[in-house]
PDB file of N, CA and C in Angstrom:
ATOM      1  N   UNK A   1     -45.851  52.295   6.242  1.00  0.00           N
ATOM      2  CA  UNK A   1     -44.944  51.719   5.271  1.00  0.00           C
ATOM      3  C   UNK A   1     -43.659  51.326   5.988  1.00  0.00           C
ATOM      4  N   UNK A   2     -42.846  50.531   5.346  1.00  0.00           N
ATOM      5  CA  UNK A   2     -41.639  50.021   5.989  1.00  0.00           C
ATOM      6  C   UNK A   2     -40.603  51.124   6.176  1.00  0.00           C
ATOM      7  N   UNK A   3     -39.738  50.908   7.158  1.00  0.00           N
ATOM      8  CA  UNK A   3     -38.671  51.867   7.429  1.00  0.00           C
ATOM      9  C   UNK A   3     -37.760  52.031   6.218  1.00  0.00           C
ATOM     10  N   UNK A   4     -37.460  50.930   5.556  1.00  0.00           N
ATOM     11  CA  UNK A   4     -36.542  50.998   4.419  1.00  0.00           C
ATOM     12  C   UNK A   4     -37.148  51.824   3.283  1.00  0.00           C
ATOM     13  N   UNK A   5     -38.467  51.770   3.109  1.00  0.00           N
ATOM     14  CA  UNK A   5     -39.115  52.591   2.080  1.00  0.00           C
ATOM     15  C   UNK A   5     -38.938  54.072   2.387  1.00  0.00           C
ATOM     16  N   UNK A   6     -39.056  54.434   3.647  1.00  0.00           N
ATOM     17  CA  UNK A   6     -38.867  55.830   4.051  1.00  0.00           C
ATOM     18  C   UNK A   6     -37.436  56.282   3.793  1.00  0.00           C
ATOM     19  N   UNK A   7     -36.489  55.415   4.110  1.00  0.00           N
ATOM     20  CA  UNK A   7     -35.077  55.773   3.958  1.00  0.00           C
ATOM     21  C   UNK A   7     -34.693  55.854   2.489  1.00  0.00           C
ATOM     22  N   UNK A   8     -35.166  54.911   1.662  1.00  0.00           N
ATOM     23  CA  UNK A   8     -34.877  54.945   0.218  1.00  0.00           C
ATOM     24  C   UNK A   8     -35.516  56.184  -0.412  1.00  0.00           C
ATOM     25  N   UNK A   9     -36.759  56.461  -0.061  1.00  0.00           N
ATOM     26  CA  UNK A   9     -37.433  57.640  -0.592  1.00  0.00           C
ATOM     27  C   UNK A   9     -36.718  58.916  -0.212  1.00  0.00           C
ATOM     28  N   UNK A  10     -36.277  58.987   1.026  1.00  0.00           N
ATOM     29  CA  UNK A  10     -35.529  60.156   1.493  1.00  0.00           C
ATOM     30  C   UNK A  10     -34.237  60.301   0.710  1.00  0.00           C
ATOM     31  N   UNK A  11     -33.575  59.191   0.462  1.00  0.00           N
ATOM     32  CA  UNK A  11     -32.307  59.203  -0.292  1.00  0.00           C
ATOM     33  C   UNK A  11     -32.548  59.693  -1.726  1.00  0.00           C
ATOM     34  N   UNK A  12     -33.624  59.246  -2.348  1.00  0.00           N
ATOM     35  CA  UNK A  12     -33.953  59.700  -3.711  1.00  0.00           C
ATOM     36  C   UNK A  12     -34.179  61.207  -3.709  1.00  0.00           C
ATOM     37  N   UNK A  13     -34.942  61.699  -2.734  1.00  0.00           N
ATOM     38  CA  UNK A  13     -35.222  63.143  -2.646  1.00  0.00           C
ATOM     39  C   UNK A  13     -33.935  63.948  -2.441  1.00  0.00           C
ATOM     40  N   UNK A  14     -33.048  63.459  -1.575  1.00  0.00           N
ATOM     41  CA  UNK A  14     -31.790  64.159  -1.317  1.00  0.00           C
ATOM     42  C   UNK A  14     -30.947  64.225  -2.584  1.00  0.00           C
ATOM     43  N   UNK A  15     -30.826  63.104  -3.288  1.00  0.00           N
ATOM     44  CA  UNK A  15     -30.030  63.085  -4.522  1.00  0.00           C
ATOM     45  C   UNK A  15     -30.660  64.011  -5.557  1.00  0.00           C
ATOM     46  N   UNK A  16     -31.987  63.961  -5.678  1.00  0.00           N
ATOM     47  CA  UNK A  16     -32.680  64.837  -6.633  1.00  0.00           C
ATOM     48  C   UNK A  16     -32.417  66.308  -6.303  1.00  0.00           C
ATOM     49  N   UNK A  17     -32.527  66.659  -5.039  1.00  0.00           N
ATOM     50  CA  UNK A  17     -32.287  68.043  -4.633  1.00  0.00           C
ATOM     51  C   UNK A  17     -30.837  68.452  -4.851  1.00  0.00           C
ATOM     52  N   UNK A  18     -29.906  67.547  -4.580  1.00  0.00           N
ATOM     53  CA  UNK A  18     -28.492  67.848  -4.813  1.00  0.00           C
ATOM     54  C   UNK A  18     -28.203  68.097  -6.285  1.00  0.00           C
ATOM     55  N   UNK A  19     -28.973  67.462  -7.150  1.00  0.00           N
ATOM     56  CA  UNK A  19     -28.820  67.662  -8.594  1.00  0.00           C
ATOM     57  C   UNK A  19     -29.678  68.823  -9.091  1.00  0.00           C
ATOM     58  N   UNK A  20     -30.318  69.518  -8.125  1.00  0.00           N
ATOM     59  CA  UNK A  20     -31.150  70.692  -8.421  1.00  0.00           C
ATOM     60  C   UNK A  20     -32.241  70.388  -9.444  1.00  0.00           C
ATOM     61  N   UNK A  21     -32.869  69.230  -9.262  1.00  0.00           N
ATOM     62  CA  UNK A  21     -33.976  68.814 -10.120  1.00  0.00           C
ATOM     63  C   UNK A  21     -35.275  68.952  -9.343  1.00  0.00           C
ATOM     64  N   UNK A  22     -36.309  69.411 -10.019  1.00  0.00           N
ATOM     65  CA  UNK A  22     -37.636  69.418  -9.389  1.00  0.00           C
ATOM     66  C   UNK A  22     -38.189  68.003  -9.460  1.00  0.00           C
ATOM     67  N   UNK A  23     -39.199  67.763  -8.660  1.00  0.00           N
ATOM     68  CA  UNK A  23     -39.829  66.442  -8.694  1.00  0.00           C
ATOM     69  C   UNK A  23     -40.443  66.188 -10.069  1.00  0.00           C
ATOM     70  N   UNK A  24     -40.958  67.253 -10.693  1.00  0.00           N
ATOM     71  CA  UNK A  24     -41.547  67.124 -12.028  1.00  0.00           C
ATOM     72  C   UNK A  24     -40.484  66.772 -13.067  1.00  0.00           C
ATOM     73  N   UNK A  25     -39.299  67.395 -12.949  1.00  0.00           N
ATOM     74  CA  UNK A  25     -38.216  67.114 -13.894  1.00  0.00           C
ATOM     75  C   UNK A  25     -37.761  65.658 -13.787  1.00  0.00           C
ATOM     76  N   UNK A  26     -37.584  65.196 -12.541  1.00  0.00           N
ATOM     77  CA  UNK A  26     -37.152  63.804 -12.367  1.00  0.00           C
ATOM     78  C   UNK A  26     -38.218  62.836 -12.849  1.00  0.00           C
ATOM     79  N   UNK A  27     -39.470  63.107 -12.523  1.00  0.00           N
ATOM     80  CA  UNK A  27     -40.558  62.224 -12.957  1.00  0.00           C
ATOM     81  C   UNK A  27     -40.602  62.140 -14.480  1.00  0.00           C
ATOM     82  N   UNK A  28     -40.456  63.286 -15.136  1.00  0.00           N
ATOM     83  CA  UNK A  28     -40.478  63.321 -16.598  1.00  0.00           C
ATOM     84  C   UNK A  28     -39.284  62.553 -17.174  1.00  0.00           C
ATOM     85  N   UNK A  29     -38.110  62.812 -16.636  1.00  0.00           N
ATOM     86  CA  UNK A  29     -36.900  62.170 -17.145  1.00  0.00           C
ATOM     87  C   UNK A  29     -36.923  60.654 -16.913  1.00  0.00           C
ATOM     88  N   UNK A  30     -37.545  60.229 -15.800  1.00  0.00           N
ATOM     89  CA  UNK A  30     -37.604  58.803 -15.465  1.00  0.00           C
ATOM     90  C   UNK A  30     -38.843  58.125 -16.036  1.00  0.00           C
ATOM     91  N   UNK A  31     -39.728  58.912 -16.650  1.00  0.00           N
ATOM     92  CA  UNK A  31     -40.981  58.380 -17.166  1.00  0.00           C
ATOM     93  C   UNK A  31     -41.792  57.706 -16.058  1.00  0.00           C
ATOM     94  N   UNK A  32     -41.904  58.453 -14.934  1.00  0.00           N
ATOM     95  CA  UNK A  32     -42.651  57.992 -13.763  1.00  0.00           C
ATOM     96  C   UNK A  32     -43.675  59.075 -13.434  1.00  0.00           C
ATOM     97  N   UNK A  33     -44.845  58.675 -13.006  1.00  0.00           N
ATOM     98  CA  UNK A  33     -45.887  59.616 -12.617  1.00  0.00           C
ATOM     99  C   UNK A  33     -45.403  60.468 -11.445  1.00  0.00           C
ATOM    100  N   UNK A  34     -45.634  61.781 -11.511  1.00  0.00           N
ATOM    101  CA  UNK A  34     -45.193  62.702 -10.464  1.00  0.00           C
ATOM    102  C   UNK A  34     -45.786  62.342  -9.104  1.00  0.00           C
ATOM    103  N   UNK A  35     -47.052  62.003  -9.078  1.00  0.00           N
ATOM    104  CA  UNK A  35     -47.701  61.628  -7.817  1.00  0.00           C
ATOM    105  C   UNK A  35     -47.055  60.380  -7.236  1.00  0.00           C
ATOM    106  N   UNK A  36     -46.774  59.407  -8.092  1.00  0.00           N
ATOM    107  CA  UNK A  36     -46.122  58.172  -7.647  1.00  0.00           C
ATOM    108  C   UNK A  36     -44.726  58.477  -7.098  1.00  0.00           C
ATOM    109  N   UNK A  37     -43.984  59.334  -7.780  1.00  0.00           N
ATOM    110  CA  UNK A  37     -42.649  59.703  -7.318  1.00  0.00           C
ATOM    111  C   UNK A  37     -42.727  60.395  -5.956  1.00  0.00           C
ATOM    112  N   UNK A  38     -43.702  61.257  -5.782  1.00  0.00           N
ATOM    113  CA  UNK A  38     -43.885  61.920  -4.486  1.00  0.00           C
ATOM    114  C   UNK A  38     -44.142  60.910  -3.377  1.00  0.00           C
ATOM    115  N   UNK A  39     -44.960  59.910  -3.677  1.00  0.00           N
ATOM    116  CA  UNK A  39     -45.251  58.870  -2.684  1.00  0.00           C
ATOM    117  C   UNK A  39     -43.997  58.042  -2.385  1.00  0.00           C
ATOM    118  N   UNK A  40     -43.173  57.801  -3.398  1.00  0.00           N
ATOM    119  CA  UNK A  40     -41.914  57.080  -3.180  1.00  0.00           C
ATOM    120  C   UNK A  40     -41.013  57.904  -2.265  1.00  0.00           C
ATOM    121  N   UNK A  41     -40.857  59.193  -2.583  1.00  0.00           N
ATOM    122  CA  UNK A  41     -39.972  60.046  -1.796  1.00  0.00           C
ATOM    123  C   UNK A  41     -40.435  60.187  -0.342  1.00  0.00           C
ATOM    124  N   UNK A  42     -41.722  60.141  -0.112  1.00  0.00           N
ATOM    125  CA  UNK A  42     -42.251  60.239   1.253  1.00  0.00           C
ATOM    126  C   UNK A  42     -42.294  58.889   1.956  1.00  0.00           C
ATOM    127  N   UNK A  43     -41.916  57.822   1.265  1.00  0.00           N
ATOM    128  CA  UNK A  43     -41.922  56.493   1.861  1.00  0.00           C
ATOM    129  C   UNK A  43     -43.307  55.925   2.036  1.00  0.00           C
ATOM    130  N   UNK A  44     -44.262  56.413   1.248  1.00  0.00           N
ATOM    131  CA  UNK A  44     -45.656  55.965   1.365  1.00  0.00           C
ATOM    132  C   UNK A  44     -45.960  54.748   0.507  1.00  0.00           C
ATOM    133  N   UNK A  45     -45.033  54.372  -0.351  1.00  0.00           N
ATOM    134  CA  UNK A  45     -45.228  53.210  -1.215  1.00  0.00           C
ATOM    135  C   UNK A  45     -43.894  52.500  -1.394  1.00  0.00           C
ATOM    136  N   UNK A  46     -43.966  51.238  -1.674  1.00  0.00           N
ATOM    137  CA  UNK A  46     -42.755  50.462  -1.945  1.00  0.00           C
ATOM    138  C   UNK A  46     -42.567  50.442  -3.461  1.00  0.00           C
ATOM    139  N   UNK A  47     -41.512  51.090  -3.954  1.00  0.00           N
ATOM    140  CA  UNK A  47     -41.326  51.129  -5.412  1.00  0.00           C
ATOM    141  C   UNK A  47     -40.900  49.782  -5.964  1.00  0.00           C
ATOM    142  N   UNK A  48     -41.388  49.477  -7.147  1.00  0.00           N
ATOM    143  CA  UNK A  48     -40.963  48.258  -7.833  1.00  0.00           C
ATOM    144  C   UNK A  48     -39.559  48.493  -8.366  1.00  0.00           C
ATOM    145  N   UNK A  49     -38.856  47.408  -8.616  1.00  0.00           N
ATOM    146  CA  UNK A  49     -37.464  47.497  -9.054  1.00  0.00           C
ATOM    147  C   UNK A  49     -37.334  48.251 -10.374  1.00  0.00           C
ATOM    148  N   UNK A  50     -38.330  48.121 -11.266  1.00  0.00           N
ATOM    149  CA  UNK A  50     -38.230  48.844 -12.539  1.00  0.00           C
ATOM    150  C   UNK A  50     -38.367  50.350 -12.320  1.00  0.00           C
ATOM    151  N   UNK A  51     -39.161  50.778 -11.343  1.00  0.00           N
ATOM    152  CA  UNK A  51     -39.258  52.205 -11.019  1.00  0.00           C
ATOM    153  C   UNK A  51     -37.939  52.704 -10.442  1.00  0.00           C
ATOM    154  N   UNK A  52     -37.340  51.899  -9.570  1.00  0.00           N
ATOM    155  CA  UNK A  52     -36.044  52.288  -9.005  1.00  0.00           C
ATOM    156  C   UNK A  52     -34.998  52.392 -10.104  1.00  0.00           C
ATOM    157  N   UNK A  53     -35.021  51.445 -11.033  1.00  0.00           N
ATOM    158  CA  UNK A  53     -34.062  51.483 -12.143  1.00  0.00           C
ATOM    159  C   UNK A  53     -34.252  52.741 -12.979  1.00  0.00           C
ATOM    160  N   UNK A  54     -35.491  53.119 -13.270  1.00  0.00           N
ATOM    161  CA  UNK A  54     -35.761  54.339 -14.039  1.00  0.00           C
ATOM    162  C   UNK A  54     -35.236  55.564 -13.299  1.00  0.00           C
ATOM    163  N   UNK A  55     -35.446  55.604 -11.982  1.00  0.00           N
ATOM    164  CA  UNK A  55     -34.998  56.750 -11.188  1.00  0.00           C
ATOM    165  C   UNK A  55     -33.474  56.815 -11.114  1.00  0.00           C
ATOM    166  N   UNK A  56     -32.841  55.664 -10.931  1.00  0.00           N
ATOM    167  CA  UNK A  56     -31.376  55.607 -10.901  1.00  0.00           C
ATOM    168  C   UNK A  56     -30.807  56.125 -12.217  1.00  0.00           C
ATOM    169  N   UNK A  57     -31.376  55.673 -13.329  1.00  0.00           N
ATOM    170  CA  UNK A  57     -30.894  56.120 -14.640  1.00  0.00           C
ATOM    171  C   UNK A  57     -31.149  57.608 -14.853  1.00  0.00           C
ATOM    172  N   UNK A  58     -32.326  58.075 -14.448  1.00  0.00           N
ATOM    173  CA  UNK A  58     -32.659  59.489 -14.623  1.00  0.00           C
ATOM    174  C   UNK A  58     -31.786  60.390 -13.750  1.00  0.00           C
ATOM    175  N   UNK A  59     -31.396  59.895 -12.592  1.00  0.00           N
ATOM    176  CA  UNK A  59     -30.524  60.660 -11.691  1.00  0.00           C
ATOM    177  C   UNK A  59     -29.055  60.529 -12.075  1.00  0.00           C
ATOM    178  N   UNK A  60     -28.779  59.647 -13.031  1.00  0.00           N
ATOM    179  CA  UNK A  60     -27.414  59.389 -13.500  1.00  0.00           C
ATOM    180  C   UNK A  60     -26.518  58.933 -12.347  1.00  0.00           C
ATOM    181  N   UNK A  61     -27.035  57.955 -11.593  1.00  0.00           N
ATOM    182  CA  UNK A  61     -26.287  57.361 -10.491  1.00  0.00           C
ATOM    183  C   UNK A  61     -26.340  55.848 -10.650  1.00  0.00           C
ATOM    184  N   UNK A  62     -25.617  55.146  -9.794  1.00  0.00           N
ATOM    185  CA  UNK A  62     -25.652  53.689  -9.802  1.00  0.00           C
ATOM    186  C   UNK A  62     -26.571  53.209  -8.675  1.00  0.00           C
ATOM    187  N   UNK A  63     -26.934  51.956  -8.739  1.00  0.00           N
ATOM    188  CA  UNK A  63     -27.704  51.370  -7.641  1.00  0.00           C
ATOM    189  C   UNK A  63     -26.903  51.483  -6.342  1.00  0.00           C
ATOM    190  N   UNK A  64     -25.599  51.294  -6.457  1.00  0.00           N
ATOM    191  CA  UNK A  64     -24.733  51.410  -5.276  1.00  0.00           C
ATOM    192  C   UNK A  64     -24.830  52.812  -4.673  1.00  0.00           C
ATOM    193  N   UNK A  65     -24.826  53.835  -5.534  1.00  0.00           N
ATOM    194  CA  UNK A  65     -24.960  55.209  -5.041  1.00  0.00           C
ATOM    195  C   UNK A  65     -26.265  55.388  -4.272  1.00  0.00           C
ATOM    196  N   UNK A  66     -27.332  54.815  -4.798  1.00  0.00           N
ATOM    197  CA  UNK A  66     -28.635  54.965  -4.163  1.00  0.00           C
ATOM    198  C   UNK A  66     -28.695  54.244  -2.821  1.00  0.00           C
ATOM    199  N   UNK A  67     -28.192  53.029  -2.764  1.00  0.00           N
ATOM    200  CA  UNK A  67     -28.359  52.212  -1.572  1.00  0.00           C
ATOM    201  C   UNK A  67     -27.219  52.312  -0.566  1.00  0.00           C
ATOM    202  N   UNK A  68     -26.210  53.113  -0.879  1.00  0.00           N
ATOM    203  CA  UNK A  68     -25.080  53.267   0.038  1.00  0.00           C
ATOM    204  C   UNK A  68     -25.552  53.884   1.358  1.00  0.00           C
ATOM    205  N   UNK A  69     -25.232  53.255   2.460  1.00  0.00           N
ATOM    206  CA  UNK A  69     -25.473  53.756   3.820  1.00  0.00           C
ATOM    207  C   UNK A  69     -26.941  53.923   4.180  1.00  0.00           C
ATOM    208  N   UNK A  70     -27.847  53.169   3.560  1.00  0.00           N
ATOM    209  CA  UNK A  70     -29.253  53.399   3.883  1.00  0.00           C
ATOM    210  C   UNK A  70     -29.841  52.358   4.818  1.00  0.00           C
ATOM    211  N   UNK A  71     -29.117  51.300   5.127  1.00  0.00           N
ATOM    212  CA  UNK A  71     -29.692  50.262   5.986  1.00  0.00           C
ATOM    213  C   UNK A  71     -29.914  50.814   7.384  1.00  0.00           C
ATOM    214  N   UNK A  72     -31.159  50.784   7.866  1.00  0.00           N
ATOM    215  CA  UNK A  72     -31.398  51.266   9.229  1.00  0.00           C
ATOM    216  C   UNK A  72     -30.709  50.355  10.238  1.00  0.00           C
ATOM    217  N   UNK A  73     -30.189  50.948  11.260  1.00  0.00           N
ATOM    218  CA  UNK A  73     -29.505  50.202  12.308  1.00  0.00           C
ATOM    219  C   UNK A  73     -30.542  49.467  13.162  1.00  0.00           C
ATOM    220  N   UNK A  74     -30.134  48.349  13.706  1.00  0.00           N
ATOM    221  CA  UNK A  74     -31.015  47.598  14.616  1.00  0.00           C
ATOM    222  C   UNK A  74     -30.785  48.097  16.039  1.00  0.00           C
ATOM    223  N   UNK A  75     -31.882  48.346  16.746  1.00  0.00           N
ATOM    224  CA  UNK A  75     -31.792  48.703  18.155  1.00  0.00           C
ATOM    225  C   UNK A  75     -31.642  47.428  18.969  1.00  0.00           C
ATOM    226  N   UNK A  76     -31.322  47.561  20.238  1.00  0.00           N
ATOM    227  CA  UNK A  76     -31.149  46.394  21.108  1.00  0.00           C
ATOM    228  C   UNK A  76     -32.394  45.517  21.156  1.00  0.00           C
ATOM    229  N   UNK A  77     -33.565  46.138  20.980  1.00  0.00           N
ATOM    230  CA  UNK A  77     -34.805  45.361  21.019  1.00  0.00           C
ATOM    231  C   UNK A  77     -35.137  44.725  19.664  1.00  0.00           C
ATOM    232  N   UNK A  78     -34.247  44.853  18.686  1.00  0.00           N
ATOM    233  CA  UNK A  78     -34.434  44.228  17.383  1.00  0.00           C
ATOM    234  C   UNK A  78     -35.197  45.074  16.375  1.00  0.00           C
ATOM    235  N   UNK A  79     -35.687  46.238  16.802  1.00  0.00           N
ATOM    236  CA  UNK A  79     -36.424  47.107  15.888  1.00  0.00           C
ATOM    237  C   UNK A  79     -35.457  47.979  15.082  1.00  0.00           C
ATOM    238  N   UNK A  80     -35.877  48.346  13.875  1.00  0.00           N
ATOM    239  CA  UNK A  80     -35.071  49.232  13.051  1.00  0.00           C
ATOM    240  C   UNK A  80     -35.148  50.651  13.576  1.00  0.00           C
ATOM    241  N   UNK A  81     -34.045  51.357  13.488  1.00  0.00           N
ATOM    242  CA  UNK A  81     -33.996  52.751  13.892  1.00  0.00           C
ATOM    243  C   UNK A  81     -34.041  53.615  12.636  1.00  0.00           C
ATOM    244  N   UNK A  82     -35.252  53.926  12.196  1.00  0.00           N
ATOM    245  CA  UNK A  82     -35.440  54.714  10.981  1.00  0.00           C
ATOM    246  C   UNK A  82     -34.828  56.095  11.114  1.00  0.00           C
ATOM    247  N   UNK A  83     -34.952  56.692  12.278  1.00  0.00           N
ATOM    248  CA  UNK A  83     -34.423  58.042  12.484  1.00  0.00           C
ATOM    249  C   UNK A  83     -32.924  58.083  12.196  1.00  0.00           C
ATOM    250  N   UNK A  84     -32.207  57.065  12.636  1.00  0.00           N
ATOM    251  CA  UNK A  84     -30.767  57.030  12.395  1.00  0.00           C
ATOM    252  C   UNK A  84     -30.474  56.901  10.900  1.00  0.00           C
ATOM    253  N   UNK A  85     -31.232  56.075  10.204  1.00  0.00           N
ATOM    254  CA  UNK A  85     -31.049  55.941   8.755  1.00  0.00           C
ATOM    255  C   UNK A  85     -31.303  57.246   8.030  1.00  0.00           C
ATOM    256  N   UNK A  86     -32.352  57.965   8.433  1.00  0.00           N
ATOM    257  CA  UNK A  86     -32.658  59.256   7.812  1.00  0.00           C
ATOM    258  C   UNK A  86     -31.568  60.273   8.122  1.00  0.00           C
ATOM    259  N   UNK A  87     -31.066  60.262   9.346  1.00  0.00           N
ATOM    260  CA  UNK A  87     -29.989  61.174   9.728  1.00  0.00           C
ATOM    261  C   UNK A  87     -28.729  60.895   8.913  1.00  0.00           C
ATOM    262  N   UNK A  88     -28.405  59.617   8.746  1.00  0.00           N
ATOM    263  CA  UNK A  88     -27.229  59.252   7.950  1.00  0.00           C
ATOM    264  C   UNK A  88     -27.397  59.736   6.508  1.00  0.00           C
ATOM    265  N   UNK A  89     -28.597  59.575   5.943  1.00  0.00           N
ATOM    266  CA  UNK A  89     -28.855  60.078   4.590  1.00  0.00           C
ATOM    267  C   UNK A  89     -28.521  61.560   4.487  1.00  0.00           C
ATOM    268  N   UNK A  90     -29.027  62.321   5.442  1.00  0.00           N
ATOM    269  CA  UNK A  90     -28.831  63.770   5.398  1.00  0.00           C
ATOM    270  C   UNK A  90     -27.368  64.154   5.602  1.00  0.00           C
ATOM    271  N   UNK A  91     -26.692  63.464   6.493  1.00  0.00           N
ATOM    272  CA  UNK A  91     -25.283  63.749   6.717  1.00  0.00           C
ATOM    273  C   UNK A  91     -24.446  63.411   5.488  1.00  0.00           C
ATOM    274  N   UNK A  92     -24.768  62.314   4.830  1.00  0.00           N
ATOM    275  CA  UNK A  92     -24.027  61.921   3.630  1.00  0.00           C
ATOM    276  C   UNK A  92     -24.204  62.908   2.493  1.00  0.00           C
ATOM    277  N   UNK A  93     -25.297  63.661   2.514  1.00  0.00           N
ATOM    278  CA  UNK A  93     -25.549  64.637   1.457  1.00  0.00           C
ATOM    279  C   UNK A  93     -24.748  65.922   1.653  1.00  0.00           C
ATOM    280  N   UNK A  94     -24.152  66.091   2.828  1.00  0.00           N
ATOM    281  CA  UNK A  94     -23.401  67.311   3.132  1.00  0.00           C
ATOM    282  C   UNK A  94     -21.951  67.208   2.693  1.00  0.00           C
ATOM    283  N   UNK A  95     -21.348  68.357   2.465  1.00  0.00           N
ATOM    284  CA  UNK A  95     -19.915  68.424   2.198  1.00  0.00           C
ATOM    285  C   UNK A  95     -19.184  68.116   3.502  1.00  0.00           C
ATOM    286  N   UNK A  96     -17.937  67.627   3.412  1.00  0.00           N
ATOM    287  CA  UNK A  96     -17.186  67.321   4.641  1.00  0.00           C
ATOM    288  C   UNK A  96     -17.114  68.502   5.621  1.00  0.00           C
ATOM    289  N   UNK A  97     -16.955  69.695   5.124  1.00  0.00           N
ATOM    290  CA  UNK A  97     -16.898  70.857   6.023  1.00  0.00           C
ATOM    291  C   UNK A  97     -18.233  71.068   6.734  1.00  0.00           C
ATOM    292  N   UNK A  98     -19.341  70.811   6.030  1.00  0.00           N
ATOM    293  CA  UNK A  98     -20.666  70.937   6.646  1.00  0.00           C
ATOM    294  C   UNK A  98     -20.892  69.822   7.668  1.00  0.00           C
ATOM    295  N   UNK A  99     -20.372  68.634   7.373  1.00  0.00           N
ATOM    296  CA  UNK A  99     -20.488  67.532   8.326  1.00  0.00           C
ATOM    297  C   UNK A  99     -19.765  67.874   9.627  1.00  0.00           C
ATOM    298  N   UNK A 100     -18.626  68.540   9.525  1.00  0.00           N
ATOM    299  CA  UNK A 100     -17.885  68.947  10.722  1.00  0.00           C
ATOM    300  C   UNK A 100     -18.684  69.962  11.529  1.00  0.00           C
ATOM    301  N   UNK A 101     -19.382  70.862  10.851  1.00  0.00           N
ATOM    302  CA  UNK A 101     -20.221  71.837  11.555  1.00  0.00           C
ATOM    303  C   UNK A 101     -21.351  71.134  12.300  1.00  0.00           C
ATOM    304  N   UNK A 102     -21.969  70.156  11.657  1.00  0.00           N
ATOM    305  CA  UNK A 102     -23.048  69.400  12.297  1.00  0.00           C
ATOM    306  C   UNK A 102     -22.492  68.639  13.505  1.00  0.00           C
ATOM    307  N   UNK A 103     -21.313  68.064  13.358  1.00  0.00           N
ATOM    308  CA  UNK A 103     -20.689  67.346  14.467  1.00  0.00           C
ATOM    309  C   UNK A 103     -20.468  68.284  15.653  1.00  0.00           C
ATOM    310  N   UNK A 104     -20.027  69.498  15.380  1.00  0.00           N
ATOM    311  CA  UNK A 104     -19.834  70.478  16.454  1.00  0.00           C
ATOM    312  C   UNK A 104     -21.155  70.766  17.163  1.00  0.00           C
ATOM    313  N   UNK A 105     -22.226  70.887  16.390  1.00  0.00           N
ATOM    314  CA  UNK A 105     -23.545  71.119  16.995  1.00  0.00           C
ATOM    315  C   UNK A 105     -23.984  69.925  17.835  1.00  0.00           C
ATOM    316  N   UNK A 106     -23.736  68.715  17.328  1.00  0.00           N
ATOM    317  CA  UNK A 106     -24.078  67.508  18.085  1.00  0.00           C
ATOM    318  C   UNK A 106     -23.318  67.470  19.417  1.00  0.00           C
ATOM    319  N   UNK A 107     -22.050  67.832  19.369  1.00  0.00           N
ATOM    320  CA  UNK A 107     -21.255  67.814  20.594  1.00  0.00           C
ATOM    321  C   UNK A 107     -21.833  68.781  21.629  1.00  0.00           C
ATOM    322  N   UNK A 108     -22.285  69.936  21.184  1.00  0.00           N
ATOM    323  CA  UNK A 108     -22.928  70.896  22.092  1.00  0.00           C
ATOM    324  C   UNK A 108     -24.212  70.300  22.654  1.00  0.00           C
ATOM    325  N   UNK A 109     -25.036  69.700  21.785  1.00  0.00           N
ATOM    326  CA  UNK A 109     -26.282  69.086  22.235  1.00  0.00           C
ATOM    327  C   UNK A 109     -26.025  67.952  23.232  1.00  0.00           C
ATOM    328  N   UNK A 110     -25.032  67.114  22.955  1.00  0.00           N
ATOM    329  CA  UNK A 110     -24.727  66.011  23.845  1.00  0.00           C
ATOM    330  C   UNK A 110     -24.294  66.521  25.217  1.00  0.00           C
ATOM    331  N   UNK A 111     -23.504  67.603  25.234  1.00  0.00           N
ATOM    332  CA  UNK A 111     -23.101  68.184  26.522  1.00  0.00           C
ATOM    333  C   UNK A 111     -24.310  68.706  27.281  1.00  0.00           C
ATOM    334  N   UNK A 112     -25.228  69.353  26.561  1.00  0.00           N
ATOM    335  CA  UNK A 112     -26.431  69.875  27.215  1.00  0.00           C
ATOM    336  C   UNK A 112     -27.280  68.742  27.782  1.00  0.00           C
ATOM    337  N   UNK A 113     -27.437  67.680  27.031  1.00  0.00           N
ATOM    338  CA  UNK A 113     -28.244  66.540  27.477  1.00  0.00           C
ATOM    339  C   UNK A 113     -27.605  65.851  28.672  1.00  0.00           C
ATOM    340  N   UNK A 114     -26.301  65.679  28.638  1.00  0.00           N
ATOM    341  CA  UNK A 114     -25.631  64.962  29.736  1.00  0.00           C
ATOM    342  C   UNK A 114     -25.557  65.786  31.018  1.00  0.00           C
ATOM    343  N   UNK A 115     -25.770  67.101  30.943  1.00  0.00           N
ATOM    344  CA  UNK A 115     -25.753  67.965  32.125  1.00  0.00           C
ATOM    345  C   UNK A 115     -27.107  68.089  32.798  1.00  0.00           C
ATOM    346  N   UNK A 116     -28.105  67.405  32.285  1.00  0.00           N
ATOM    347  CA  UNK A 116     -29.453  67.495  32.878  1.00  0.00           C
ATOM    348  C   UNK A 116     -29.504  66.838  34.226  1.00  0.00           C
TER     349      UNK A 116
END
């Protein structure tokens, strides 16, 4: 499936988890099949716009909230960097203090990598 489907699905799952909703609760509230929602969250299917609209409404967010910061970056070879998009999703879900902790860990990792 496309990189953007994986990133959008990941973003839906993160928002759902932040709202402490089970996949069954969101599926019921959005009037979407649970299996279909699972496939969306895993990036295994490309959701139709009406499904996205139902999920946005059920999550009580805007389309802007859903699509903010999800565009995968282009690598020098022109390919999308899905990993970076997924990482950005996860970082955006953290509180600022948690983001600072992750940054500290990254700095340690970068030092370890550069000392090889």
